[in-house]
All heavy atoms as atom14 arrays in JSON, in Angstrom:
{
  "sequence": "MDPASPDRMAVIKQLNRLTTEVVSHFGLMT",
  "atom14_mask": [
    [1, 1, 1, 1, 1, 1, 1, 1, 0, 0, 0, 0, 0, 0],
    [1, 1, 1, 1, 1, 1, 1, 1, 0, 0, 0, 0, 0, 0],
    [1, 1, 1, 1, 1, 1, 1, 0, 0, 0, 0, 0, 0, 0],
    [1, 1, 1, 1, 1, 0, 0, 0, 0, 0, 0, 0, 0, 0],
    [1, 1, 1, 1, 1, 1, 0, 0, 0, 0, 0, 0, 0, 0],
    [1, 1, 1, 1, 1, 1, 1, 0, 0, 0, 0, 0, 0, 0],
    [1, 1, 1, 1, 1, 1, 1, 1, 0, 0, 0, 0, 0, 0],
    [1, 1, 1, 1, 1, 1, 1, 1, 1, 1, 1, 0, 0, 0],
    [1, 1, 1, 1, 1, 1, 1, 1, 0, 0, 0, 0, 0, 0],
    [1, 1, 1, 1, 1, 0, 0, 0, 0, 0, 0, 0, 0, 0],
    [1, 1, 1, 1, 1, 1, 1, 0, 0, 0, 0, 0, 0, 0],
    [1, 1, 1, 1, 1, 1, 1, 1, 0, 0, 0, 0, 0, 0],
    [1, 1, 1, 1, 1, 1, 1, 1, 1, 0, 0, 0, 0, 0],
    [1, 1, 1, 1, 1, 1, 1, 1, 1, 0, 0, 0, 0, 0],
    [1, 1, 1, 1, 1, 1, 1, 1, 0, 0, 0, 0, 0, 0],
    [1, 1, 1, 1, 1, 1, 1, 1, 0, 0, 0, 0, 0, 0],
    [1, 1, 1, 1, 1, 1, 1, 1, 1, 1, 1, 0, 0, 0],
    [1, 1, 1, 1, 1, 1, 1, 1, 0, 0, 0, 0, 0, 0],
    [1, 1, 1, 1, 1, 1, 1, 0, 0, 0, 0, 0, 0, 0],
    [1, 1, 1, 1, 1, 1, 1, 0, 0, 0, 0, 0, 0, 0],
    [1, 1, 1, 1, 1, 1, 1, 1, 1, 0, 0, 0, 0, 0],
    [1, 1, 1, 1, 1, 1, 1, 0, 0, 0, 0, 0, 0, 0],
    [1, 1, 1, 1, 1, 1, 1, 0, 0, 0, 0, 0, 0, 0],
    [1, 1, 1, 1, 1, 1, 0, 0, 0, 0, 0, 0, 0, 0],
    [1, 1, 1, 1, 1, 1, 1, 1, 1, 1, 0, 0, 0, 0],
    [1, 1, 1, 1, 1, 1, 1, 1, 1, 1, 1, 0, 0, 0],
    [1, 1, 1, 1, 0, 0, 0, 0, 0, 0, 0, 0, 0, 0],
    [1, 1, 1, 1, 1, 1, 1, 1, 0, 0, 0, 0, 0, 0],
    [1, 1, 1, 1, 1, 1, 1, 1, 0, 0, 0, 0, 0, 0],
    [1, 1, 1, 1, 1, 1, 1, 0, 0, 0, 0, 0, 0, 0]
  ],
  "atom14_positions": [
    [[7.08, 12.21, -3.12], [6.06, 12.54, -4.12], [4.96, 13.42, -3.53], [4.71, 13.4, -2.33], [5.46, 11.24, -4.67], [6.48, 10.34, -5.34], [5.8, 8.73, -5.81], [5.19, 9.15, -7.44], [0.0, 0.0, 0.0], [0.0, 0.0, 0.0], [0.0, 0.0, 0.0], [0.0, 0.0, 0.0], [0.0, 0.0, 0.0], [0.0, 0.0, 0.0]],
    [[4.3, 14.17, -4.4], [3.16, 14.99, -4.01], [2.03, 14.07, -3.54], [1.66, 13.14, -4.26], [2.71, 15.81, -5.22], [1.53, 16.72, -4.93], [0.71, 16.39, -4.04], [1.41, 17.75, -5.6], [0.0, 0.0, 0.0], [0.0, 0.0, 0.0], [0.0, 0.0, 0.0], [0.0, 0.0, 0.0], [0.0, 0.0, 0.0], [0.0, 0.0, 0.0]],
    [[1.48, 14.3, -2.33], [0.42, 13.43, -1.82], [-0.81, 13.32, -2.73], [-1.52, 12.31, -2.69], [0.03, 14.07, -0.48], [1.25, 14.81, -0.06], [1.89, 15.29, -1.34], [0.0, 0.0, 0.0], [0.0, 0.0, 0.0], [0.0, 0.0, 0.0], [0.0, 0.0, 0.0], [0.0, 0.0, 0.0], [0.0, 0.0, 0.0], [0.0, 0.0, 0.0]],
    [[-1.05, 14.31, -3.56], [-2.21, 14.27, -4.45], [-1.91, 13.6, -5.79], [-2.8, 13.43, -6.62], [-2.72, 15.69, -4.7], [0.0, 0.0, 0.0], [0.0, 0.0, 0.0], [0.0, 0.0, 0.0], [0.0, 0.0, 0.0], [0.0, 0.0, 0.0], [0.0, 0.0, 0.0], [0.0, 0.0, 0.0], [0.0, 0.0, 0.0], [0.0, 0.0, 0.0]],
    [[-0.68, 13.2, -6.01], [-0.28, 12.63, -7.29], [-0.83, 11.23, -7.52], [-0.69, 10.36, -6.65], [1.26, 12.58, -7.36], [1.67, 11.78, -8.43], [0.0, 0.0, 0.0], [0.0, 0.0, 0.0], [0.0, 0.0, 0.0], [0.0, 0.0, 0.0], [0.0, 0.0, 0.0], [0.0, 0.0, 0.0], [0.0, 0.0, 0.0], [0.0, 0.0, 0.0]],
    [[-1.4, 10.98, -8.69], [-1.84, 9.61, -9.03], [-0.65, 8.63, -9.05], [-0.81, 7.46, -8.74], [-2.45, 9.75, -10.41], [-2.77, 11.2, -10.56], [-1.78, 11.94, -9.72], [0.0, 0.0, 0.0], [0.0, 0.0, 0.0], [0.0, 0.0, 0.0], [0.0, 0.0, 0.0], [0.0, 0.0, 0.0], [0.0, 0.0, 0.0], [0.0, 0.0, 0.0]],
    [[0.54, 9.14, -9.37], [1.73, 8.29, -9.37], [2.05, 7.82, -7.94], [2.48, 6.68, -7.74], [2.94, 9.03, -9.96], [2.77, 9.3, -11.44], [2.0, 8.58, -12.1], [3.41, 10.26, -11.94], [0.0, 0.0, 0.0], [0.0, 0.0, 0.0], [0.0, 0.0, 0.0], [0.0, 0.0, 0.0], [0.0, 0.0, 0.0], [0.0, 0.0, 0.0]],
    [[1.83, 8.7, -6.97], [2.06, 8.3, -5.57], [1.07, 7.21, -5.17], [1.42, 6.26, -4.49], [1.91, 9.51, -4.66], [2.2, 9.18, -3.18], [2.13, 10.47, -2.36], [2.55, 10.3, -1.0], [1.71, 10.16, 0.03], [0.4, 10.14, -0.17], [2.17, 10.05, 1.25], [0.0, 0.0, 0.0], [0.0, 0.0, 0.0], [0.0, 0.0, 0.0]],
    [[-0.18, 7.35, -5.62], [-1.18, 6.32, -5.3], [-0.79, 4.99, -5.92], [-1.0, 3.94, -5.31], [-2.58, 6.75, -5.78], [-3.67, 5.79, -5.34], [-3.7, 5.37, -3.57], [-4.15, 6.92, -2.85], [0.0, 0.0, 0.0], [0.0, 0.0, 0.0], [0.0, 0.0, 0.0], [0.0, 0.0, 0.0], [0.0, 0.0, 0.0], [0.0, 0.0, 0.0]],
    [[-0.17, 5.01, -7.08], [0.3, 3.76, -7.69], [1.38, 3.11, -6.82], [1.42, 1.89, -6.66], [0.83, 4.03, -9.1], [0.0, 0.0, 0.0], [0.0, 0.0, 0.0], [0.0, 0.0, 0.0], [0.0, 0.0, 0.0], [0.0, 0.0, 0.0], [0.0, 0.0, 0.0], [0.0, 0.0, 0.0], [0.0, 0.0, 0.0], [0.0, 0.0, 0.0]],
    [[2.26, 3.93, -6.23], [3.3, 3.42, -5.33], [2.64, 2.85, -4.07], [3.03, 1.78, -3.58], [4.34, 4.51, -4.99], [5.31, 4.02, -3.92], [5.09, 4.95, -6.25], [0.0, 0.0, 0.0], [0.0, 0.0, 0.0], [0.0, 0.0, 0.0], [0.0, 0.0, 0.0], [0.0, 0.0, 0.0], [0.0, 0.0, 0.0], [0.0, 0.0, 0.0]],
    [[1.62, 3.53, -3.55], [0.89, 3.05, -2.37], [0.27, 1.68, -2.67], [0.31, 0.77, -1.85], [-0.21, 4.05, -1.94], [0.39, 5.4, -1.54], [-1.09, 3.47, -0.85], [1.16, 5.42, -0.26], [0.0, 0.0, 0.0], [0.0, 0.0, 0.0], [0.0, 0.0, 0.0], [0.0, 0.0, 0.0], [0.0, 0.0, 0.0], [0.0, 0.0, 0.0]],
    [[-0.28, 1.53, -3.86], [-0.87, 0.24, -4.25], [0.2, -0.85, -4.33], [-0.04, -1.99, -3.94], [-1.63, 0.37, -5.56], [-2.93, 1.14, -5.41], [-3.67, 1.29, -6.71], [-4.96, 2.07, -6.5], [-5.71, 2.27, -7.74], [0.0, 0.0, 0.0], [0.0, 0.0, 0.0], [0.0, 0.0, 0.0], [0.0, 0.0, 0.0], [0.0, 0.0, 0.0]],
    [[1.38, -0.5, -4.82], [2.5, -1.46, -4.83], [2.86, -1.86, -3.4], [3.11, -3.04, -3.12], [3.73, -0.86, -5.51], [3.66, -0.75, -7.0], [4.95, -0.11, -7.52], [5.12, 1.1, -7.4], [5.83, -0.92, -8.06], [0.0, 0.0, 0.0], [0.0, 0.0, 0.0], [0.0, 0.0, 0.0], [0.0, 0.0, 0.0], [0.0, 0.0, 0.0]],
    [[2.91, -0.88, -2.51], [3.21, -1.15, -1.11], [2.17, -2.08, -0.5], [2.5, -3.01, 0.24], [3.25, 0.15, -0.29], [4.56, 0.9, -0.3], [4.37, 2.31, 0.22], [5.6, 0.16, 0.51], [0.0, 0.0, 0.0], [0.0, 0.0, 0.0], [0.0, 0.0, 0.0], [0.0, 0.0, 0.0], [0.0, 0.0, 0.0], [0.0, 0.0, 0.0]],
    [[0.92, -1.84, -0.82], [-0.16, -2.68, -0.31], [0.01, -4.13, -0.76], [-0.07, -5.05, 0.04], [-1.51, -2.13, -0.75], [-2.65, -2.85, -0.09], [-2.71, -2.96, 1.13], [-3.55, -3.38, -0.9], [0.0, 0.0, 0.0], [0.0, 0.0, 0.0], [0.0, 0.0, 0.0], [0.0, 0.0, 0.0], [0.0, 0.0, 0.0], [0.0, 0.0, 0.0]],
    [[0.27, -4.32, -2.04], [0.46, -5.67, -2.57], [1.64, -6.36, -1.92], [1.55, -7.47, -1.42], [0.66, -5.63, -4.1], [0.91, -7.01, -4.73], [1.45, -6.92, -6.15], [2.58, -6.01, -6.32], [3.85, -6.29, -5.96], [4.15, -7.43, -5.39], [4.81, -5.42, -6.16], [0.0, 0.0, 0.0], [0.0, 0.0, 0.0], [0.0, 0.0, 0.0]],
    [[2.76, -5.67, -1.87], [3.98, -6.24, -1.33], [3.85, -6.53, 0.17], [4.26, -7.59, 0.65], [5.15, -5.3, -1.6], [6.54, -5.83, -1.29], [6.83, -7.09, -2.09], [7.58, -4.77, -1.6], [0.0, 0.0, 0.0], [0.0, 0.0, 0.0], [0.0, 0.0, 0.0], [0.0, 0.0, 0.0], [0.0, 0.0, 0.0], [0.0, 0.0, 0.0]],
    [[3.25, -5.61, 0.91], [3.08, -5.79, 2.34], [2.2, -7.01, 2.62], [2.49, -7.8, 3.52], [2.46, -4.52, 2.97], [3.34, -3.43, 2.74], [2.25, -4.68, 4.47], [0.0, 0.0, 0.0], [0.0, 0.0, 0.0], [0.0, 0.0, 0.0], [0.0, 0.0, 0.0], [0.0, 0.0, 0.0], [0.0, 0.0, 0.0], [0.0, 0.0, 0.0]],
    [[1.16, -7.18, 1.84], [0.28, -8.33, 2.01], [1.02, -9.63, 1.74], [0.8, -10.63, 2.41], [-0.93, -8.2, 1.06], [-1.61, -6.98, 1.36], [-1.89, -9.35, 1.24], [0.0, 0.0, 0.0], [0.0, 0.0, 0.0], [0.0, 0.0, 0.0], [0.0, 0.0, 0.0], [0.0, 0.0, 0.0], [0.0, 0.0, 0.0], [0.0, 0.0, 0.0]],
    [[1.92, -9.61, 0.78], [2.64, -10.82, 0.4], [3.75, -11.21, 1.37], [3.98, -12.39, 1.59], [3.23, -10.66, -1.0], [2.2, -10.62, -2.09], [2.8, -10.29, -3.46], [4.03, -10.1, -3.56], [2.02, -10.21, -4.42], [0.0, 0.0, 0.0], [0.0, 0.0, 0.0], [0.0, 0.0, 0.0], [0.0, 0.0, 0.0], [0.0, 0.0, 0.0]],
    [[4.46, -10.23, 1.93], [5.69, -10.6, 2.64], [5.8, -10.17, 4.11], [6.71, -10.62, 4.78], [6.95, -10.07, 1.9], [7.03, -10.64, 0.51], [7.0, -8.56, 1.89], [0.0, 0.0, 0.0], [0.0, 0.0, 0.0], [0.0, 0.0, 0.0], [0.0, 0.0, 0.0], [0.0, 0.0, 0.0], [0.0, 0.0, 0.0], [0.0, 0.0, 0.0]],
    [[4.92, -9.34, 4.6], [5.07, -8.84, 5.96], [4.12, -9.57, 6.9], [3.06, -10.03, 6.52], [4.83, -7.31, 6.01], [4.91, -6.77, 7.42], [5.87, -6.61, 5.15], [0.0, 0.0, 0.0], [0.0, 0.0, 0.0], [0.0, 0.0, 0.0], [0.0, 0.0, 0.0], [0.0, 0.0, 0.0], [0.0, 0.0, 0.0], [0.0, 0.0, 0.0]],
    [[4.5, -9.65, 8.14], [3.77, -10.43, 9.13], [2.58, -9.7, 9.75], [2.23, -9.96, 10.89], [4.73, -10.86, 10.23], [5.28, -9.71, 10.84], [0.0, 0.0, 0.0], [0.0, 0.0, 0.0], [0.0, 0.0, 0.0], [0.0, 0.0, 0.0], [0.0, 0.0, 0.0], [0.0, 0.0, 0.0], [0.0, 0.0, 0.0], [0.0, 0.0, 0.0]],
    [[1.95, -8.81, 9.03], [0.76, -8.12, 9.5], [-0.36, -8.37, 8.52], [-0.13, -8.46, 7.32], [0.98, -6.6, 9.54], [1.71, -6.12, 10.73], [3.05, -6.28, 10.88], [1.28, -5.48, 11.84], [3.44, -5.75, 12.02], [2.37, -5.26, 12.62], [0.0, 0.0, 0.0], [0.0, 0.0, 0.0], [0.0, 0.0, 0.0], [0.0, 0.0, 0.0]],
    [[-1.56, -8.47, 9.03], [-2.69, -8.44, 8.12], [-3.8, -7.65, 8.78], [-3.97, -7.69, 9.99], [-3.16, -9.84, 7.68], [-3.77, -10.68, 8.76], [-5.14, -10.66, 8.98], [-2.98, -11.51, 9.55], [-5.7, -11.44, 9.97], [-3.54, -12.3, 10.53], [-4.91, -12.26, 10.75], [0.0, 0.0, 0.0], [0.0, 0.0, 0.0], [0.0, 0.0, 0.0]],
    [[-4.5, -6.91, 7.96], [-5.55, -6.05, 8.47], [-6.85, -6.81, 8.58], [-7.17, -7.65, 7.76], [0.0, 0.0, 0.0], [0.0, 0.0, 0.0], [0.0, 0.0, 0.0], [0.0, 0.0, 0.0], [0.0, 0.0, 0.0], [0.0, 0.0, 0.0], [0.0, 0.0, 0.0], [0.0, 0.0, 0.0], [0.0, 0.0, 0.0], [0.0, 0.0, 0.0]],
    [[-7.59, -6.5, 9.6], [-8.9, -7.08, 9.82], [-9.82, -5.93, 10.18], [-9.6, -5.25, 11.18], [-8.84, -8.1, 10.96], [-10.15, -8.69, 11.41], [-10.72, -9.58, 10.32], [-9.95, -9.48, 12.69], [0.0, 0.0, 0.0], [0.0, 0.0, 0.0], [0.0, 0.0, 0.0], [0.0, 0.0, 0.0], [0.0, 0.0, 0.0], [0.0, 0.0, 0.0]],
    [[-10.8, -5.69, 9.36], [-11.73, -4.6, 9.65], [-12.73, -5.06, 10.69], [-13.28, -6.14, 10.58], [-12.49, -4.19, 8.39], [-11.62, -3.46, 7.39], [-10.99, -1.95, 8.07], [-12.2, -0.82, 7.5], [0.0, 0.0, 0.0], [0.0, 0.0, 0.0], [0.0, 0.0, 0.0], [0.0, 0.0, 0.0], [0.0, 0.0, 0.0], [0.0, 0.0, 0.0]],
    [[-12.93, -4.23, 11.7], [-13.93, -4.55, 12.7], [-14.99, -3.46, 12.65], [-15.74, -3.4, 11.71], [-13.31, -4.72, 14.1], [-12.59, -3.56, 14.46], [-12.39, -5.92, 14.14], [0.0, 0.0, 0.0], [0.0, 0.0, 0.0], [0.0, 0.0, 0.0], [0.0, 0.0, 0.0], [0.0, 0.0, 0.0], [0.0, 0.0, 0.0], [0.0, 0.0, 0.0]]
  ]
}
């Protein structure tokens, strides 16, 4: 997808949700 596409950002948001739910990483802002 085009990096500037709002549709791509929707996919990124899906990735964020799914990654948070099932992957063994979590982000911690320092």
